[in-house]
Amino acid sequence: MSLDSVLHLLSVYGYLMIFPLAVIEGPIITVIAGLLVVTGVFNPFIVYVVVVAGDIVGDSFAYALGRFGGGHFTSAIERWFGVTQEKLKLVEKKMKRHHFKMMILSKLAQGVGVTGLIAAGVLRISYPLFVLACLVVSVFQCAIYLLIGIFFGQAYEKIGVYFSYVAEATVVVAFCALVGYLWYRWRKKK
């Protein structure tokens, strides 16, 4: 779906369309909604509440995937990466101690941050604490994206490209870190 199509859907269906789109892809939808605030289609306060709620619901889906969708999928990943119960307990202990920092980093990392949200579910981080951490970040993040849309919304296509660049760069860095880790483990075994 092109950005022009999204802009059209938002202008025709209004707030009803913002929420599901914000669940799927909040940042660019918030920027586009900011553009529509300037044109008088939306009220900025209502848009803000709707996109924050959509962002939290999207994060909750990722959490639920980790918490309830584990099974064979996570077991296979654990075996492939050599994750043991001892290592999981250590990570869980550190993650529970620093859950707020971990959630903030996960929310800010475009592209791969959803893995931290899924990990919070897998490790059974308290859901109220999870939502609180996500809400704190979403409140600021959505406000920034909405302001970008209000002041620079005409450039929404370029902004969408920049979001893609950031997401792609984050994925490349994470992939390189993973390859480096696997190479280190392989060398250590030799």
Protein backbone atom coordinates (compact mmCIF):
# COMPACT_ATOMS: atom_id res chain seq x y z
CA MET A 1 0.00 0.00 0.00
CA SER A 2 1.48 3.33 -1.02
CA LEU A 3 1.67 6.33 1.27
CA ASP A 4 -0.77 8.19 -1.00
CA SER A 5 -3.28 5.35 -0.48
CA VAL A 6 -2.84 5.61 3.28
CA LEU A 7 -3.33 9.37 3.12
CA HIS A 8 -6.54 8.85 1.13
CA LEU A 9 -7.84 6.17 3.54
CA LEU A 10 -7.17 8.40 6.53
CA SER A 11 -8.88 11.40 4.99
CA VAL A 12 -11.94 9.33 3.98
CA TYR A 13 -12.39 7.05 7.02
CA GLY A 14 -10.90 9.34 9.66
CA TYR A 15 -10.17 8.19 13.17
CA LEU A 16 -11.56 4.70 12.51
CA MET A 17 -8.67 4.04 10.16
CA ILE A 18 -5.94 5.65 12.29
CA PHE A 19 -6.14 3.08 15.06
CA PRO A 20 -5.59 -0.16 13.07
CA LEU A 21 -2.91 1.49 10.95
CA ALA A 22 -1.18 2.80 14.09
CA VAL A 23 -1.17 -0.76 15.49
CA ILE A 24 0.65 -1.96 12.36
CA GLU A 25 2.92 1.01 11.56
CA GLY A 26 2.60 3.83 14.05
CA PRO A 27 5.40 6.27 13.19
CA ILE A 28 4.55 7.05 9.56
CA ILE A 29 0.79 6.97 10.25
CA THR A 30 1.32 9.51 13.02
CA VAL A 31 3.31 11.76 10.68
CA ILE A 32 0.61 11.52 8.01
CA ALA A 33 -2.11 12.20 10.61
CA GLY A 34 -0.11 15.28 11.63
CA LEU A 35 -0.30 16.50 8.04
CA LEU A 36 -4.06 15.97 8.12
CA VAL A 37 -4.24 17.95 11.38
CA VAL A 38 -2.77 20.93 9.53
CA THR A 39 -5.33 20.58 6.74
CA GLY A 40 -8.15 20.55 9.30
CA VAL A 41 -9.22 16.93 8.84
CA PHE A 42 -8.22 15.80 12.37
CA ASN A 43 -8.12 17.18 15.87
CA PRO A 44 -4.52 16.85 17.15
CA PHE A 45 -5.55 15.76 20.65
CA ILE A 46 -7.82 12.97 19.42
CA VAL A 47 -5.18 11.80 16.93
CA TYR A 48 -2.58 11.76 19.69
CA VAL A 49 -4.69 9.59 22.02
CA VAL A 50 -5.62 7.21 19.18
CA VAL A 51 -2.02 6.70 17.95
CA VAL A 52 -0.68 6.17 21.49
CA ALA A 53 -3.41 3.57 22.08
CA GLY A 54 -2.62 1.91 18.74
CA ASP A 55 1.07 1.83 19.59
CA ILE A 56 0.40 0.18 22.95
CA VAL A 57 -1.91 -2.40 21.36
CA GLY A 58 0.77 -3.22 18.76
CA ASP A 59 3.36 -3.63 21.51
CA SER A 60 0.93 -5.84 23.43
CA PHE A 61 0.55 -8.11 20.39
CA ALA A 62 4.34 -8.56 20.33
CA TYR A 63 4.33 -9.28 24.08
CA ALA A 64 1.50 -11.82 23.67
CA LEU A 65 3.37 -13.52 20.83
CA GLY A 66 6.31 -14.05 23.15
CA ARG A 67 4.25 -15.05 26.15
CA PHE A 68 1.75 -17.39 24.51
CA GLY A 69 3.25 -18.22 21.13
CA GLY A 70 6.47 -19.86 22.31
CA GLY A 71 6.26 -23.61 22.05
CA HIS A 72 8.27 -25.35 19.36
CA PHE A 73 9.26 -22.09 17.67
CA THR A 74 11.14 -20.64 20.64
CA SER A 75 12.54 -24.06 21.56
CA ALA A 76 14.07 -24.38 18.09
CA ILE A 77 15.57 -20.89 18.33
CA GLU A 78 16.93 -21.63 21.80
CA ARG A 79 18.62 -24.82 20.56
CA TRP A 80 20.02 -23.10 17.48
CA PHE A 81 21.62 -20.31 19.53
CA GLY A 82 22.72 -22.67 22.29
CA VAL A 83 20.49 -21.09 24.91
CA THR A 84 20.38 -23.11 28.12
CA GLN A 85 18.05 -22.80 31.08
CA GLU A 86 20.92 -21.33 33.12
CA LYS A 87 21.50 -18.62 30.52
CA LEU A 88 17.77 -17.91 30.35
CA LYS A 89 17.62 -17.52 34.13
CA LEU A 90 20.56 -15.09 34.04
CA VAL A 91 19.00 -13.04 31.22
CA GLU A 92 15.64 -13.11 32.97
CA LYS A 93 17.20 -11.87 36.21
CA LYS A 94 18.98 -9.00 34.43
CA MET A 95 15.97 -8.21 32.29
CA LYS A 96 13.66 -8.07 35.28
CA ARG A 97 16.12 -5.81 37.08
CA HIS A 98 16.47 -3.52 34.05
CA HIS A 99 13.11 -4.09 32.33
CA PHE A 100 12.40 -0.41 31.98
CA LYS A 101 15.70 0.27 30.16
CA MET A 102 15.21 -2.79 27.97
CA MET A 103 11.69 -1.74 26.98
CA ILE A 104 12.87 1.78 26.16
CA LEU A 105 15.66 0.44 23.94
CA SER A 106 13.27 -2.00 22.29
CA LYS A 107 10.76 0.74 21.56
CA LEU A 108 13.42 3.07 20.17
CA ALA A 109 15.15 0.48 17.97
CA GLN A 110 13.34 0.67 14.65
CA GLY A 111 13.29 -2.60 12.75
CA VAL A 112 14.52 -5.06 15.39
CA GLY A 113 13.03 -3.56 18.54
CA VAL A 114 10.03 -5.85 18.36
CA THR A 115 12.32 -8.72 19.39
CA GLY A 116 12.79 -7.06 22.78
CA LEU A 117 9.02 -6.75 23.15
CA ILE A 118 8.60 -10.43 22.26
CA ALA A 119 11.42 -11.33 24.68
CA ALA A 120 9.56 -9.53 27.47
CA GLY A 121 6.63 -11.88 26.85
CA VAL A 122 8.84 -14.97 26.67
CA LEU A 123 10.48 -14.03 29.98
CA ARG A 124 7.09 -13.26 31.49
CA ILE A 125 7.90 -9.70 32.48
CA SER A 126 4.93 -8.33 34.40
CA TYR A 127 2.40 -7.07 31.86
CA PRO A 128 1.52 -3.90 33.84
CA LEU A 129 5.23 -3.02 34.04
CA PHE A 130 5.60 -3.78 30.34
CA VAL A 131 2.69 -1.49 29.45
CA LEU A 132 3.98 1.27 31.72
CA ALA A 133 7.43 1.21 30.10
CA CYS A 134 5.92 1.14 26.60
CA LEU A 135 3.49 3.92 27.49
CA VAL A 136 6.25 6.21 28.74
CA VAL A 137 8.12 5.84 25.45
CA SER A 138 4.99 5.98 23.29
CA VAL A 139 3.80 9.22 24.89
CA PHE A 140 7.01 11.00 23.89
CA GLN A 141 7.57 9.15 20.61
CA CYS A 142 4.04 9.77 19.30
CA ALA A 143 4.20 13.44 20.31
CA ILE A 144 7.43 13.86 18.35
CA TYR A 145 6.04 12.05 15.28
CA LEU A 146 2.84 14.09 15.41
CA LEU A 147 4.81 17.34 15.62
CA ILE A 148 6.97 16.21 12.69
CA GLY A 149 3.77 15.61 10.74
CA ILE A 150 2.33 18.98 11.69
CA PHE A 151 5.45 20.96 10.81
CA PHE A 152 6.99 18.83 8.04
CA GLY A 153 4.06 16.62 6.97
CA GLN A 154 4.22 17.70 3.35
CA ALA A 155 7.40 15.66 3.10
CA TYR A 156 5.74 12.45 4.38
CA GLU A 157 7.11 10.35 1.52
CA LYS A 158 10.68 11.40 2.31
CA ILE A 159 10.06 10.87 6.03
CA GLY A 160 8.79 7.36 5.27
CA VAL A 161 11.98 6.67 3.33
CA TYR A 162 14.09 7.89 6.28
CA PHE A 163 12.16 5.61 8.67
CA SER A 164 12.94 2.75 6.27
CA TYR A 165 16.63 3.67 6.26
CA VAL A 166 16.75 3.71 10.05
CA ALA A 167 14.97 0.35 10.24
CA GLU A 168 17.25 -1.17 7.60
CA ALA A 169 20.38 0.15 9.31
CA THR A 170 19.21 -1.28 12.63
CA VAL A 171 18.60 -4.68 11.04
CA VAL A 172 22.07 -4.63 9.42
CA VAL A 173 23.76 -3.72 12.71
CA ALA A 174 21.83 -6.45 14.55
CA PHE A 175 22.70 -8.98 11.84
CA CYS A 176 26.40 -8.04 12.02
CA ALA A 177 26.33 -8.36 15.80
CA LEU A 178 24.71 -11.79 15.48
CA VAL A 179 27.28 -12.96 12.92
CA GLY A 180 30.08 -11.63 15.12
CA TYR A 181 28.68 -13.45 18.13
CA LEU A 182 28.29 -16.72 16.22
CA TRP A 183 31.83 -16.39 14.82
CA TYR A 184 33.16 -15.74 18.33
CA ARG A 185 31.36 -18.85 19.68
CA TRP A 186 32.62 -20.95 16.76
CA ARG A 187 36.21 -19.77 17.36
CA LYS A 188 35.87 -20.39 21.09
CA LYS A 189 34.76 -24.01 20.49
CA LYS A 190 37.80 -24.66 18.30
